[in-house]
Every structure is written in structure tokens, then in C-alpha cells.
């Protein structure tokens, strides 16, 4: 079951559309990306994703494995980023999110090292 939940979320992420992703979030959701400070609020998260997406040409997730425990989903993924120079860079990532009873995500955390994506 958790693979289905993770698959649905990453299908939206891979659309490369911050507004579509924001529709998965509660109004007061929190997003922590790597070692960055938390971003709070659906609109602020979409704005942050727009900025991040302007630095890459696209992305796609391959789910290695995922788990669901109550309202929490944990997904280990391989993320392939299309760099602006047209080359691809793949990195390992773990995403953890909590879903409210209404199905919206209230807390989303991404643990990743993006250094290979921006390496010369």
C-alpha cells in the first residue's frame, strides 16, 4: 500500500509543476529540503520550488522502497535530475511525510545531497 501512496506523490512531483505539488499540501504545511531552513505554508513552498526548479531542467523519481506507518510515509528513492547543461545526475534521497486525516500532507522532509547535480 505505501508504494501506491509514494508513487502518487512522486508522480505529481515529477510533473515539475510547483502548483500541482502544492495541491497535495495543507495550507500550513512545512517543507524541509536537505539542510535548508523549513519553509512554511503552501504558497511559500510553491514559491521555493519554483526557485529550485529554475536551476534544473527536470527530475524523475524511482522508488527503491517505501514504508507507511500510520500517517507517516517514508520513501527511499533514486532521483535523476536533468541539469541545465542537458546532462543527468542521479542521487539517493529519502523523503518522509505526514498526511492528515483529510489526505493533505502537513510535514514533508527531504534528505538529499545535491552536490552531484551542481558539480562542474
PDB file of N, CA and C in Angstrom:
ATOM      1  N   UNK A   1       0.819  -1.203   0.000  1.00  0.00           N
ATOM      2  CA  UNK A   1       0.000   0.000   0.000  1.00  0.00           C
ATOM      3  C   UNK A   1       0.861   1.264   0.000  1.00  0.00           C
ATOM      4  N   UNK A   2       1.952   1.293   0.753  1.00  0.00           N
ATOM      5  CA  UNK A   2       2.754   2.504   0.824  1.00  0.00           C
ATOM      6  C   UNK A   2       3.381   2.845  -0.519  1.00  0.00           C
ATOM      7  N   UNK A   3       3.716   1.814  -1.332  1.00  0.00           N
ATOM      8  CA  UNK A   3       4.236   2.118  -2.657  1.00  0.00           C
ATOM      9  C   UNK A   3       3.225   2.916  -3.465  1.00  0.00           C
ATOM     10  N   UNK A   4       1.927   2.600  -3.327  1.00  0.00           N
ATOM     11  CA  UNK A   4       0.901   3.348  -4.049  1.00  0.00           C
ATOM     12  C   UNK A   4       0.870   4.799  -3.600  1.00  0.00           C
ATOM     13  N   UNK A   5       0.952   5.020  -2.296  1.00  0.00           N
ATOM     14  CA  UNK A   5       0.951   6.388  -1.765  1.00  0.00           C
ATOM     15  C   UNK A   5       2.178   7.133  -2.275  1.00  0.00           C
ATOM     16  N   UNK A   6       3.337   6.520  -2.142  1.00  0.00           N
ATOM     17  CA  UNK A   6       4.572   7.158  -2.597  1.00  0.00           C
ATOM     18  C   UNK A   6       4.536   7.388  -4.109  1.00  0.00           C
ATOM     19  N   UNK A   7       4.063   6.420  -4.851  1.00  0.00           N
ATOM     20  CA  UNK A   7       4.003   6.549  -6.308  1.00  0.00           C
ATOM     21  C   UNK A   7       3.135   7.743  -6.718  1.00  0.00           C
ATOM     22  N   UNK A   8       1.985   7.891  -6.057  1.00  0.00           N
ATOM     23  CA  UNK A   8       1.096   9.023  -6.387  1.00  0.00           C
ATOM     24  C   UNK A   8       1.771  10.362  -6.090  1.00  0.00           C
ATOM     25  N   UNK A   9       2.452  10.466  -4.970  1.00  0.00           N
ATOM     26  CA  UNK A   9       3.121  11.725  -4.622  1.00  0.00           C
ATOM     27  C   UNK A   9       4.238  12.017  -5.615  1.00  0.00           C
ATOM     28  N   UNK A  10       5.080  11.034  -5.917  1.00  0.00           N
ATOM     29  CA  UNK A  10       6.201  11.300  -6.820  1.00  0.00           C
ATOM     30  C   UNK A  10       5.752  11.519  -8.260  1.00  0.00           C
ATOM     31  N   UNK A  11       4.625  10.954  -8.660  1.00  0.00           N
ATOM     32  CA  UNK A  11       4.093  11.268  -9.993  1.00  0.00           C
ATOM     33  C   UNK A  11       3.785  12.755 -10.087  1.00  0.00           C
ATOM     34  N   UNK A  12       3.251  13.317  -9.019  1.00  0.00           N
ATOM     35  CA  UNK A  12       2.959  14.758  -9.016  1.00  0.00           C
ATOM     36  C   UNK A  12       4.256  15.561  -8.978  1.00  0.00           C
ATOM     37  N   UNK A  13       5.197  15.163  -8.122  1.00  0.00           N
ATOM     38  CA  UNK A  13       6.478  15.877  -8.048  1.00  0.00           C
ATOM     39  C   UNK A  13       7.145  15.888  -9.418  1.00  0.00           C
ATOM     40  N   UNK A  14       7.134  14.750 -10.099  1.00  0.00           N
ATOM     41  CA  UNK A  14       7.822  14.627 -11.380  1.00  0.00           C
ATOM     42  C   UNK A  14       7.143  15.386 -12.519  1.00  0.00           C
ATOM     43  N   UNK A  15       5.951  15.916 -12.277  1.00  0.00           N
ATOM     44  CA  UNK A  15       5.313  16.794 -13.266  1.00  0.00           C
ATOM     45  C   UNK A  15       6.079  18.108 -13.408  1.00  0.00           C
ATOM     46  N   UNK A  16       6.940  18.407 -12.403  1.00  0.00           N
ATOM     47  CA  UNK A  16       7.782  19.605 -12.453  1.00  0.00           C
ATOM     48  C   UNK A  16       6.913  20.862 -12.401  1.00  0.00           C
ATOM     49  N   UNK A  17       5.831  20.784 -11.624  1.00  0.00           N
ATOM     50  CA  UNK A  17       4.859  21.871 -11.516  1.00  0.00           C
ATOM     51  C   UNK A  17       4.616  22.157 -10.030  1.00  0.00           C
ATOM     52  N   UNK A  18       5.246  23.211  -9.491  1.00  0.00           N
ATOM     53  CA  UNK A  18       5.113  23.511  -8.063  1.00  0.00           C
ATOM     54  C   UNK A  18       3.668  23.700  -7.596  1.00  0.00           C
ATOM     55  N   UNK A  19       2.832  24.242  -8.441  1.00  0.00           N
ATOM     56  CA  UNK A  19       1.440  24.475  -8.045  1.00  0.00           C
ATOM     57  C   UNK A  19       0.677  23.159  -7.901  1.00  0.00           C
ATOM     58  N   UNK A  20       0.965  22.205  -8.764  1.00  0.00           N
ATOM     59  CA  UNK A  20       0.331  20.877  -8.637  1.00  0.00           C
ATOM     60  C   UNK A  20       0.787  20.203  -7.347  1.00  0.00           C
ATOM     61  N   UNK A  21       2.092  20.297  -7.052  1.00  0.00           N
ATOM     62  CA  UNK A  21       2.590  19.710  -5.811  1.00  0.00           C
ATOM     63  C   UNK A  21       1.934  20.382  -4.608  1.00  0.00           C
ATOM     64  N   UNK A  22       1.797  21.686  -4.659  1.00  0.00           N
ATOM     65  CA  UNK A  22       1.210  22.426  -3.537  1.00  0.00           C
ATOM     66  C   UNK A  22      -0.215  21.967  -3.242  1.00  0.00           C
ATOM     67  N   UNK A  23      -0.914  21.459  -4.232  1.00  0.00           N
ATOM     68  CA  UNK A  23      -2.278  20.962  -4.011  1.00  0.00           C
ATOM     69  C   UNK A  23      -2.307  19.737  -3.097  1.00  0.00           C
ATOM     70  N   UNK A  24      -1.162  19.068  -2.946  1.00  0.00           N
ATOM     71  CA  UNK A  24      -1.076  17.920  -2.045  1.00  0.00           C
ATOM     72  C   UNK A  24      -0.902  18.347  -0.588  1.00  0.00           C
ATOM     73  N   UNK A  25      -0.632  19.633  -0.373  1.00  0.00           N
ATOM     74  CA  UNK A  25      -0.232  20.134   0.939  1.00  0.00           C
ATOM     75  C   UNK A  25      -1.362  20.826   1.687  1.00  0.00           C
ATOM     76  N   UNK A  26      -1.315  20.720   3.005  1.00  0.00           N
ATOM     77  CA  UNK A  26      -2.188  21.527   3.853  1.00  0.00           C
ATOM     78  C   UNK A  26      -1.730  22.982   3.760  1.00  0.00           C
ATOM     79  N   UNK A  27      -2.627  23.920   4.013  1.00  0.00           N
ATOM     80  CA  UNK A  27      -2.285  25.348   3.944  1.00  0.00           C
ATOM     81  C   UNK A  27      -1.079  25.690   4.808  1.00  0.00           C
ATOM     82  N   UNK A  28      -0.977  25.054   5.976  1.00  0.00           N
ATOM     83  CA  UNK A  28       0.092  25.372   6.924  1.00  0.00           C
ATOM     84  C   UNK A  28       1.205  24.331   6.915  1.00  0.00           C
ATOM     85  N   UNK A  29       1.359  23.619   5.816  1.00  0.00           N
ATOM     86  CA  UNK A  29       2.367  22.561   5.715  1.00  0.00           C
ATOM     87  C   UNK A  29       3.773  23.125   5.887  1.00  0.00           C
ATOM     88  N   UNK A  30       4.671  22.247   6.298  1.00  0.00           N
ATOM     89  CA  UNK A  30       6.086  22.574   6.432  1.00  0.00           C
ATOM     90  C   UNK A  30       6.873  21.675   5.490  1.00  0.00           C
ATOM     91  N   UNK A  31       7.852  22.264   4.789  1.00  0.00           N
ATOM     92  CA  UNK A  31       8.756  21.503   3.933  1.00  0.00           C
ATOM     93  C   UNK A  31      10.179  21.806   4.374  1.00  0.00           C
ATOM     94  N   UNK A  32      10.963  20.747   4.584  1.00  0.00           N
ATOM     95  CA  UNK A  32      12.393  20.892   4.862  1.00  0.00           C
ATOM     96  C   UNK A  32      13.114  20.135   3.759  1.00  0.00           C
ATOM     97  N   UNK A  33      13.932  20.854   2.997  1.00  0.00           N
ATOM     98  CA  UNK A  33      14.657  20.279   1.864  1.00  0.00           C
ATOM     99  C   UNK A  33      16.140  20.276   2.205  1.00  0.00           C
ATOM    100  N   UNK A  34      16.704  19.085   2.359  1.00  0.00           N
ATOM    101  CA  UNK A  34      18.124  18.977   2.695  1.00  0.00           C
ATOM    102  C   UNK A  34      18.420  19.682   4.006  1.00  0.00           C
ATOM    103  N   UNK A  35      19.442  20.505   4.009  1.00  0.00           N
ATOM    104  CA  UNK A  35      19.811  21.217   5.231  1.00  0.00           C
ATOM    105  C   UNK A  35      19.281  22.655   5.246  1.00  0.00           C
ATOM    106  N   UNK A  36      18.334  22.952   4.382  1.00  0.00           N
ATOM    107  CA  UNK A  36      17.753  24.300   4.333  1.00  0.00           C
ATOM    108  C   UNK A  36      16.805  24.515   5.517  1.00  0.00           C
ATOM    109  N   UNK A  37      16.545  25.763   5.804  1.00  0.00           N
ATOM    110  CA  UNK A  37      15.578  26.113   6.836  1.00  0.00           C
ATOM    111  C   UNK A  37      14.187  25.660   6.395  1.00  0.00           C
ATOM    112  N   UNK A  38      13.311  25.339   7.324  1.00  0.00           N
ATOM    113  CA  UNK A  38      11.948  24.940   6.960  1.00  0.00           C
ATOM    114  C   UNK A  38      11.219  26.054   6.210  1.00  0.00           C
ATOM    115  N   UNK A  39      10.425  25.647   5.238  1.00  0.00           N
ATOM    116  CA  UNK A  39       9.527  26.557   4.542  1.00  0.00           C
ATOM    117  C   UNK A  39       8.123  26.215   5.019  1.00  0.00           C
ATOM    118  N   UNK A  40       7.365  27.236   5.402  1.00  0.00           N
ATOM    119  CA  UNK A  40       6.051  27.008   5.989  1.00  0.00           C
ATOM    120  C   UNK A  40       4.982  27.667   5.129  1.00  0.00           C
ATOM    121  N   UNK A  41       3.944  26.906   4.820  1.00  0.00           N
ATOM    122  CA  UNK A  41       2.807  27.422   4.066  1.00  0.00           C
ATOM    123  C   UNK A  41       2.837  26.960   2.627  1.00  0.00           C
ATOM    124  N   UNK A  42       1.670  26.612   2.139  1.00  0.00           N
ATOM    125  CA  UNK A  42       1.531  26.080   0.776  1.00  0.00           C
ATOM    126  C   UNK A  42       2.119  27.020  -0.265  1.00  0.00           C
ATOM    127  N   UNK A  43       1.797  28.302  -0.168  1.00  0.00           N
ATOM    128  CA  UNK A  43       2.270  29.255  -1.181  1.00  0.00           C
ATOM    129  C   UNK A  43       3.780  29.463  -1.098  1.00  0.00           C
ATOM    130  N   UNK A  44       4.324  29.530   0.119  1.00  0.00           N
ATOM    131  CA  UNK A  44       5.772  29.690   0.283  1.00  0.00           C
ATOM    132  C   UNK A  44       6.518  28.468  -0.251  1.00  0.00           C
ATOM    133  N   UNK A  45       5.960  27.292  -0.026  1.00  0.00           N
ATOM    134  CA  UNK A  45       6.589  26.067  -0.542  1.00  0.00           C
ATOM    135  C   UNK A  45       6.575  26.070  -2.070  1.00  0.00           C
ATOM    136  N   UNK A  46       5.458  26.434  -2.673  1.00  0.00           N
ATOM    137  CA  UNK A  46       5.386  26.501  -4.141  1.00  0.00           C
ATOM    138  C   UNK A  46       6.386  27.515  -4.679  1.00  0.00           C
ATOM    139  N   UNK A  47       6.525  28.658  -4.019  1.00  0.00           N
ATOM    140  CA  UNK A  47       7.488  29.675  -4.459  1.00  0.00           C
ATOM    141  C   UNK A  47       8.917  29.149  -4.349  1.00  0.00           C
ATOM    142  N   UNK A  48       9.225  28.453  -3.264  1.00  0.00           N
ATOM    143  CA  UNK A  48      10.560  27.874  -3.107  1.00  0.00           C
ATOM    144  C   UNK A  48      10.851  26.832  -4.168  1.00  0.00           C
ATOM    145  N   UNK A  49       9.850  26.020  -4.495  1.00  0.00           N
ATOM    146  CA  UNK A  49      10.037  25.026  -5.548  1.00  0.00           C
ATOM    147  C   UNK A  49      10.234  25.679  -6.908  1.00  0.00           C
ATOM    148  N   UNK A  50       9.532  26.778  -7.163  1.00  0.00           N
ATOM    149  CA  UNK A  50       9.735  27.492  -8.436  1.00  0.00           C
ATOM    150  C   UNK A  50      11.198  27.932  -8.557  1.00  0.00           C
ATOM    151  N   UNK A  51      11.742  28.462  -7.464  1.00  0.00           N
ATOM    152  CA  UNK A  51      13.143  28.894  -7.473  1.00  0.00           C
ATOM    153  C   UNK A  51      14.064  27.709  -7.717  1.00  0.00           C
ATOM    154  N   UNK A  52      13.851  26.618  -6.981  1.00  0.00           N
ATOM    155  CA  UNK A  52      14.685  25.426  -7.157  1.00  0.00           C
ATOM    156  C   UNK A  52      14.547  24.870  -8.570  1.00  0.00           C
ATOM    157  N   UNK A  53      13.331  24.763  -9.068  1.00  0.00           N
ATOM    158  CA  UNK A  53      13.113  24.203 -10.403  1.00  0.00           C
ATOM    159  C   UNK A  53      13.755  25.058 -11.499  1.00  0.00           C
ATOM    160  N   UNK A  54      13.964  26.339 -11.238  1.00  0.00           N
ATOM    161  CA  UNK A  54      14.622  27.189 -12.244  1.00  0.00           C
ATOM    162  C   UNK A  54      16.099  26.841 -12.393  1.00  0.00           C
ATOM    163  N   UNK A  55      16.651  26.048 -11.460  1.00  0.00           N
ATOM    164  CA  UNK A  55      18.070  25.689 -11.510  1.00  0.00           C
ATOM    165  C   UNK A  55      18.309  24.316 -12.127  1.00  0.00           C
ATOM    166  N   UNK A  56      17.229  23.619 -12.498  1.00  0.00           N
ATOM    167  CA  UNK A  56      17.352  22.294 -13.108  1.00  0.00           C
ATOM    168  C   UNK A  56      16.419  22.219 -14.318  1.00  0.00           C
ATOM    169  N   UNK A  57      16.644  21.225 -15.152  1.00  0.00           N
ATOM    170  CA  UNK A  57      15.816  21.061 -16.340  1.00  0.00           C
ATOM    171  C   UNK A  57      14.674  20.073 -16.176  1.00  0.00           C
ATOM    172  N   UNK A  58      14.668  19.341 -15.071  1.00  0.00           N
ATOM    173  CA  UNK A  58      13.626  18.351 -14.820  1.00  0.00           C
ATOM    174  C   UNK A  58      14.110  17.343 -13.802  1.00  0.00           C
ATOM    175  N   UNK A  59      13.216  16.424 -13.429  1.00  0.00           N
ATOM    176  CA  UNK A  59      13.574  15.387 -12.468  1.00  0.00           C
ATOM    177  C   UNK A  59      12.612  14.215 -12.596  1.00  0.00           C
ATOM    178  N   UNK A  60      13.080  13.067 -12.111  1.00  0.00           N
ATOM    179  CA  UNK A  60      12.207  11.896 -12.033  1.00  0.00           C
ATOM    180  C   UNK A  60      12.681  11.030 -10.871  1.00  0.00           C
ATOM    181  N   UNK A  61      11.722  10.411 -10.230  1.00  0.00           N
ATOM    182  CA  UNK A  61      11.985   9.580  -9.060  1.00  0.00           C
ATOM    183  C   UNK A  61      11.785   8.110  -9.393  1.00  0.00           C
ATOM    184  N   UNK A  62      12.671   7.280  -8.880  1.00  0.00           N
ATOM    185  CA  UNK A  62      12.489   5.835  -8.908  1.00  0.00           C
ATOM    186  C   UNK A  62      12.429   5.390  -7.452  1.00  0.00           C
ATOM    187  N   UNK A  63      11.331   4.787  -7.076  1.00  0.00           N
ATOM    188  CA  UNK A  63      11.167   4.340  -5.699  1.00  0.00           C
ATOM    189  C   UNK A  63      11.968   3.057  -5.506  1.00  0.00           C
ATOM    190  N   UNK A  64      12.899   3.107  -4.568  1.00  0.00           N
ATOM    191  CA  UNK A  64      13.680   1.922  -4.222  1.00  0.00           C
ATOM    192  C   UNK A  64      12.869   1.066  -3.259  1.00  0.00           C
ATOM    193  N   UNK A  65      12.343   1.711  -2.225  1.00  0.00           N
ATOM    194  CA  UNK A  65      11.410   1.051  -1.297  1.00  0.00           C
ATOM    195  C   UNK A  65      10.702   2.124  -0.509  1.00  0.00           C
ATOM    196  N   UNK A  66       9.555   1.758   0.030  1.00  0.00           N
ATOM    197  CA  UNK A  66       8.815   2.722   0.840  1.00  0.00           C
ATOM    198  C   UNK A  66       8.065   1.987   1.943  1.00  0.00           C
ATOM    199  N   UNK A  67       7.762   2.737   2.981  1.00  0.00           N
ATOM    200  CA  UNK A  67       7.061   2.204   4.134  1.00  0.00           C
ATOM    201  C   UNK A  67       5.995   3.192   4.552  1.00  0.00           C
ATOM    202  N   UNK A  68       4.921   2.683   5.089  1.00  0.00           N
ATOM    203  CA  UNK A  68       3.884   3.545   5.648  1.00  0.00           C
ATOM    204  C   UNK A  68       3.558   3.048   7.051  1.00  0.00           C
ATOM    205  N   UNK A  69       3.630   3.971   8.007  1.00  0.00           N
ATOM    206  CA  UNK A  69       3.306   3.672   9.397  1.00  0.00           C
ATOM    207  C   UNK A  69       2.307   4.727   9.846  1.00  0.00           C
ATOM    208  N   UNK A  70       1.072   4.309  10.032  1.00  0.00           N
ATOM    209  CA  UNK A  70       0.003   5.239  10.396  1.00  0.00           C
ATOM    210  C   UNK A  70      -0.040   6.373   9.369  1.00  0.00           C
ATOM    211  N   UNK A  71       0.151   7.601   9.805  1.00  0.00           N
ATOM    212  CA  UNK A  71       0.049   8.760   8.907  1.00  0.00           C
ATOM    213  C   UNK A  71       1.376   9.119   8.242  1.00  0.00           C
ATOM    214  N   UNK A  72       2.428   8.359   8.529  1.00  0.00           N
ATOM    215  CA  UNK A  72       3.760   8.683   8.011  1.00  0.00           C
ATOM    216  C   UNK A  72       4.145   7.770   6.856  1.00  0.00           C
ATOM    217  N   UNK A  73       4.730   8.372   5.822  1.00  0.00           N
ATOM    218  CA  UNK A  73       5.275   7.623   4.692  1.00  0.00           C
ATOM    219  C   UNK A  73       6.757   7.932   4.611  1.00  0.00           C
ATOM    220  N   UNK A  74       7.549   6.887   4.405  1.00  0.00           N
ATOM    221  CA  UNK A  74       8.997   7.012   4.237  1.00  0.00           C
ATOM    222  C   UNK A  74       9.315   6.385   2.891  1.00  0.00           C
ATOM    223  N   UNK A  75      10.040   7.126   2.051  1.00  0.00           N
ATOM    224  CA  UNK A  75      10.367   6.607   0.723  1.00  0.00           C
ATOM    225  C   UNK A  75      11.841   6.817   0.424  1.00  0.00           C
ATOM    226  N   UNK A  76      12.511   5.712   0.121  1.00  0.00           N
ATOM    227  CA  UNK A  76      13.883   5.779  -0.369  1.00  0.00           C
ATOM    228  C   UNK A  76      13.791   5.816  -1.886  1.00  0.00           C
ATOM    229  N   UNK A  77      14.439   6.787  -2.485  1.00  0.00           N
ATOM    230  CA  UNK A  77      14.341   6.946  -3.931  1.00  0.00           C
ATOM    231  C   UNK A  77      15.702   7.192  -4.565  1.00  0.00           C
ATOM    232  N   UNK A  78      15.747   6.947  -5.849  1.00  0.00           N
ATOM    233  CA  UNK A  78      16.836   7.427  -6.676  1.00  0.00           C
ATOM    234  C   UNK A  78      16.220   8.546  -7.513  1.00  0.00           C
ATOM    235  N   UNK A  79      16.791   9.724  -7.400  1.00  0.00           N
ATOM    236  CA  UNK A  79      16.246  10.874  -8.122  1.00  0.00           C
ATOM    237  C   UNK A  79      17.226  11.236  -9.236  1.00  0.00           C
ATOM    238  N   UNK A  80      16.728  11.280 -10.443  1.00  0.00           N
ATOM    239  CA  UNK A  80      17.548  11.689 -11.576  1.00  0.00           C
ATOM    240  C   UNK A  80      17.143  13.101 -11.959  1.00  0.00           C
ATOM    241  N   UNK A  81      18.116  13.991 -11.862  1.00  0.00           N
ATOM    242  CA  UNK A  81      17.904  15.392 -12.204  1.00  0.00           C
ATOM    243  C   UNK A  81      18.476  15.660 -13.583  1.00  0.00           C
ATOM    244  N   UNK A  82      17.732  16.381 -14.392  1.00  0.00           N
ATOM    245  CA  UNK A  82      18.243  16.881 -15.664  1.00  0.00           C
ATOM    246  C   UNK A  82      18.869  18.242 -15.372  1.00  0.00           C
ATOM    247  N   UNK A  83      20.161  18.316 -15.570  1.00  0.00           N
ATOM    248  CA  UNK A  83      20.860  19.577 -15.324  1.00  0.00           C
ATOM    249  C   UNK A  83      20.580  20.546 -16.465  1.00  0.00           C
ATOM    250  N   UNK A  84      20.855  21.814 -16.236  1.00  0.00           N
ATOM    251  CA  UNK A  84      20.613  22.811 -17.278  1.00  0.00           C
ATOM    252  C   UNK A  84      21.541  22.632 -18.469  1.00  0.00           C
ATOM    253  N   UNK A  85      22.670  21.917 -18.287  1.00  0.00           N
ATOM    254  CA  UNK A  85      23.558  21.633 -19.416  1.00  0.00           C
ATOM    255  C   UNK A  85      23.114  20.399 -20.206  1.00  0.00           C
ATOM    256  N   UNK A  86      21.959  19.818 -19.817  1.00  0.00           N
ATOM    257  CA  UNK A  86      21.407  18.665 -20.518  1.00  0.00           C
ATOM    258  C   UNK A  86      21.873  17.323 -19.994  1.00  0.00           C
ATOM    259  N   UNK A  87      22.850  17.311 -19.097  1.00  0.00           N
ATOM    260  CA  UNK A  87      23.324  16.059 -18.519  1.00  0.00           C
ATOM    261  C   UNK A  87      22.417  15.643 -17.369  1.00  0.00           C
ATOM    262  N   UNK A  88      22.390  14.339 -17.107  1.00  0.00           N
ATOM    263  CA  UNK A  88      21.629  13.805 -15.979  1.00  0.00           C
ATOM    264  C   UNK A  88      22.564  13.493 -14.822  1.00  0.00           C
ATOM    265  N   UNK A  89      22.059  13.700 -13.616  1.00  0.00           N
ATOM    266  CA  UNK A  89      22.780  13.333 -12.400  1.00  0.00           C
ATOM    267  C   UNK A  89      21.791  12.629 -11.482  1.00  0.00           C
ATOM    268  N   UNK A  90      22.147  11.431 -11.024  1.00  0.00           N
ATOM    269  CA  UNK A  90      21.269  10.669 -10.140  1.00  0.00           C
ATOM    270  C   UNK A  90      21.841  10.655  -8.728  1.00  0.00           C
ATOM    271  N   UNK A  91      20.963  10.831  -7.757  1.00  0.00           N
ATOM    272  CA  UNK A  91      21.359  10.842  -6.354  1.00  0.00           C
ATOM    273  C   UNK A  91      20.330  10.063  -5.532  1.00  0.00           C
ATOM    274  N   UNK A  92      20.796   9.548  -4.398  1.00  0.00           N
ATOM    275  CA  UNK A  92      19.902   8.863  -3.474  1.00  0.00           C
ATOM    276  C   UNK A  92      19.212   9.905  -2.600  1.00  0.00           C
ATOM    277  N   UNK A  93      17.971   9.618  -2.226  1.00  0.00           N
ATOM    278  CA  UNK A  93      17.216  10.530  -1.365  1.00  0.00           C
ATOM    279  C   UNK A  93      16.265   9.716  -0.496  1.00  0.00           C
ATOM    280  N   UNK A  94      15.928  10.300   0.630  1.00  0.00           N
ATOM    281  CA  UNK A  94      14.872   9.759   1.478  1.00  0.00           C
ATOM    282  C   UNK A  94      13.899  10.893   1.753  1.00  0.00           C
ATOM    283  N   UNK A  95      12.628  10.635   1.523  1.00  0.00           N
ATOM    284  CA  UNK A  95      11.573  11.600   1.811  1.00  0.00           C
ATOM    285  C   UNK A  95      10.663  11.007   2.881  1.00  0.00           C
ATOM    286  N   UNK A  96      10.279  11.850   3.803  1.00  0.00           N
ATOM    287  CA  UNK A  96       9.372  11.435   4.872  1.00  0.00           C
ATOM    288  C   UNK A  96       8.265  12.468   4.932  1.00  0.00           C
ATOM    289  N   UNK A  97       7.013  12.000   4.902  1.00  0.00           N
ATOM    290  CA  UNK A  97       5.926  12.965   5.045  1.00  0.00           C
ATOM    291  C   UNK A  97       4.815  12.411   5.912  1.00  0.00           C
ATOM    292  N   UNK A  98       4.103  13.349   6.518  1.00  0.00           N
ATOM    293  CA  UNK A  98       2.960  13.030   7.384  1.00  0.00           C
ATOM    294  C   UNK A  98       1.709  13.541   6.694  1.00  0.00           C
ATOM    295  N   UNK A  99       0.698  12.681   6.626  1.00  0.00           N
ATOM    296  CA  UNK A  99      -0.559  13.032   5.983  1.00  0.00           C
ATOM    297  C   UNK A  99      -1.652  13.173   7.043  1.00  0.00           C
ATOM    298  N   UNK A 100      -2.419  14.233   6.930  1.00  0.00           N
ATOM    299  CA  UNK A 100      -3.541  14.456   7.847  1.00  0.00           C
ATOM    300  C   UNK A 100      -4.711  13.556   7.462  1.00  0.00           C
ATOM    301  N   UNK A 101      -5.725  13.542   8.320  1.00  0.00           N
ATOM    302  CA  UNK A 101      -6.909  12.715   8.051  1.00  0.00           C
ATOM    303  C   UNK A 101      -7.609  13.100   6.751  1.00  0.00           C
ATOM    304  N   UNK A 102      -7.494  14.369   6.343  1.00  0.00           N
ATOM    305  CA  UNK A 102      -8.136  14.806   5.103  1.00  0.00           C
ATOM    306  C   UNK A 102      -7.315  14.455   3.856  1.00  0.00           C
ATOM    307  N   UNK A 103      -6.168  13.784   4.063  1.00  0.00           N
ATOM    308  CA  UNK A 103      -5.343  13.357   2.938  1.00  0.00           C
ATOM    309  C   UNK A 103      -4.270  14.339   2.526  1.00  0.00           C
ATOM    310  N   UNK A 104      -4.253  15.532   3.121  1.00  0.00           N
ATOM    311  CA  UNK A 104      -3.241  16.532   2.772  1.00  0.00           C
ATOM    312  C   UNK A 104      -1.978  16.319   3.600  1.00  0.00           C
ATOM    313  N   UNK A 105      -0.847  16.637   3.002  1.00  0.00           N
ATOM    314  CA  UNK A 105       0.444  16.488   3.671  1.00  0.00           C
ATOM    315  C   UNK A 105       0.678  17.698   4.567  1.00  0.00           C
ATOM    316  N   UNK A 106       1.016  17.429   5.828  1.00  0.00           N
ATOM    317  CA  UNK A 106       1.261  18.524   6.773  1.00  0.00           C
ATOM    318  C   UNK A 106       2.744  18.768   7.016  1.00  0.00           C
ATOM    319  N   UNK A 107       3.573  17.764   6.792  1.00  0.00           N
ATOM    320  CA  UNK A 107       5.011  17.887   7.055  1.00  0.00           C
ATOM    321  C   UNK A 107       5.737  17.022   6.035  1.00  0.00           C
ATOM    322  N   UNK A 108       6.696  17.608   5.318  1.00  0.00           N
ATOM    323  CA  UNK A 108       7.412  16.902   4.264  1.00  0.00           C
ATOM    324  C   UNK A 108       8.891  17.197   4.445  1.00  0.00           C
ATOM    325  N   UNK A 109       9.703  16.162   4.521  1.00  0.00           N
ATOM    326  CA  UNK A 109      11.144  16.317   4.723  1.00  0.00           C
ATOM    327  C   UNK A 109      11.890  15.513   3.662  1.00  0.00           C
ATOM    328  N   UNK A 110      12.896  16.149   3.075  1.00  0.00           N
ATOM    329  CA  UNK A 110      13.680  15.515   2.024  1.00  0.00           C
ATOM    330  C   UNK A 110      15.135  15.510   2.463  1.00  0.00           C
ATOM    331  N   UNK A 111      15.727  14.325   2.519  1.00  0.00           N
ATOM    332  CA  UNK A 111      17.115  14.166   2.908  1.00  0.00           C
ATOM    333  C   UNK A 111      17.902  13.770   1.663  1.00  0.00           C
ATOM    334  N   UNK A 112      18.776  14.686   1.220  1.00  0.00           N
ATOM    335  CA  UNK A 112      19.436  14.501  -0.073  1.00  0.00           C
ATOM    336  C   UNK A 112      20.714  15.337  -0.110  1.00  0.00           C
ATOM    337  N   UNK A 113      21.661  14.910  -0.919  1.00  0.00           N
ATOM    338  CA  UNK A 113      22.866  15.685  -1.190  1.00  0.00           C
ATOM    339  C   UNK A 113      22.837  16.045  -2.674  1.00  0.00           C
ATOM    340  N   UNK A 114      22.641  17.313  -2.964  1.00  0.00           N
ATOM    341  CA  UNK A 114      22.514  17.762  -4.348  1.00  0.00           C
ATOM    342  C   UNK A 114      23.855  18.119  -5.001  1.00  0.00           C
ATOM    343  N   UNK A 115      24.975  17.923  -4.316  1.00  0.00           N
ATOM    344  CA  UNK A 115      26.278  18.308  -4.867  1.00  0.00           C
ATOM    345  C   UNK A 115      26.504  17.747  -6.274  1.00  0.00           C
ATOM    346  N   UNK A 116      26.193  16.470  -6.539  1.00  0.00           N
ATOM    347  CA  UNK A 116      26.423  15.955  -7.906  1.00  0.00           C
ATOM    348  C   UNK A 116      25.582  16.659  -8.974  1.00  0.00           C
ATOM    349  N   UNK A 117      24.459  17.202  -8.598  1.00  0.00           N
ATOM    350  CA  UNK A 117      23.598  17.873  -9.569  1.00  0.00           C
ATOM    351  C   UNK A 117      24.244  19.171 -10.050  1.00  0.00           C
ATOM    352  N   UNK A 118      24.959  19.844  -9.162  1.00  0.00           N
ATOM    353  CA  UNK A 118      25.526  21.148  -9.493  1.00  0.00           C
ATOM    354  C   UNK A 118      27.033  21.096  -9.738  1.00  0.00           C
ATOM    355  N   UNK A 119      27.644  19.898  -9.697  1.00  0.00           N
ATOM    356  CA  UNK A 119      29.078  19.765  -9.925  1.00  0.00           C
ATOM    357  C   UNK A 119      29.436  20.155 -11.361  1.00  0.00           C
ATOM    358  N   UNK A 120      30.591  20.728 -11.516  1.00  0.00           N
ATOM    359  CA  UNK A 120      31.042  21.172 -12.850  1.00  0.00           C
ATOM    360  C   UNK A 120      31.387  20.009 -13.733  1.00  0.00           C
TER     361      UNK A 120
END
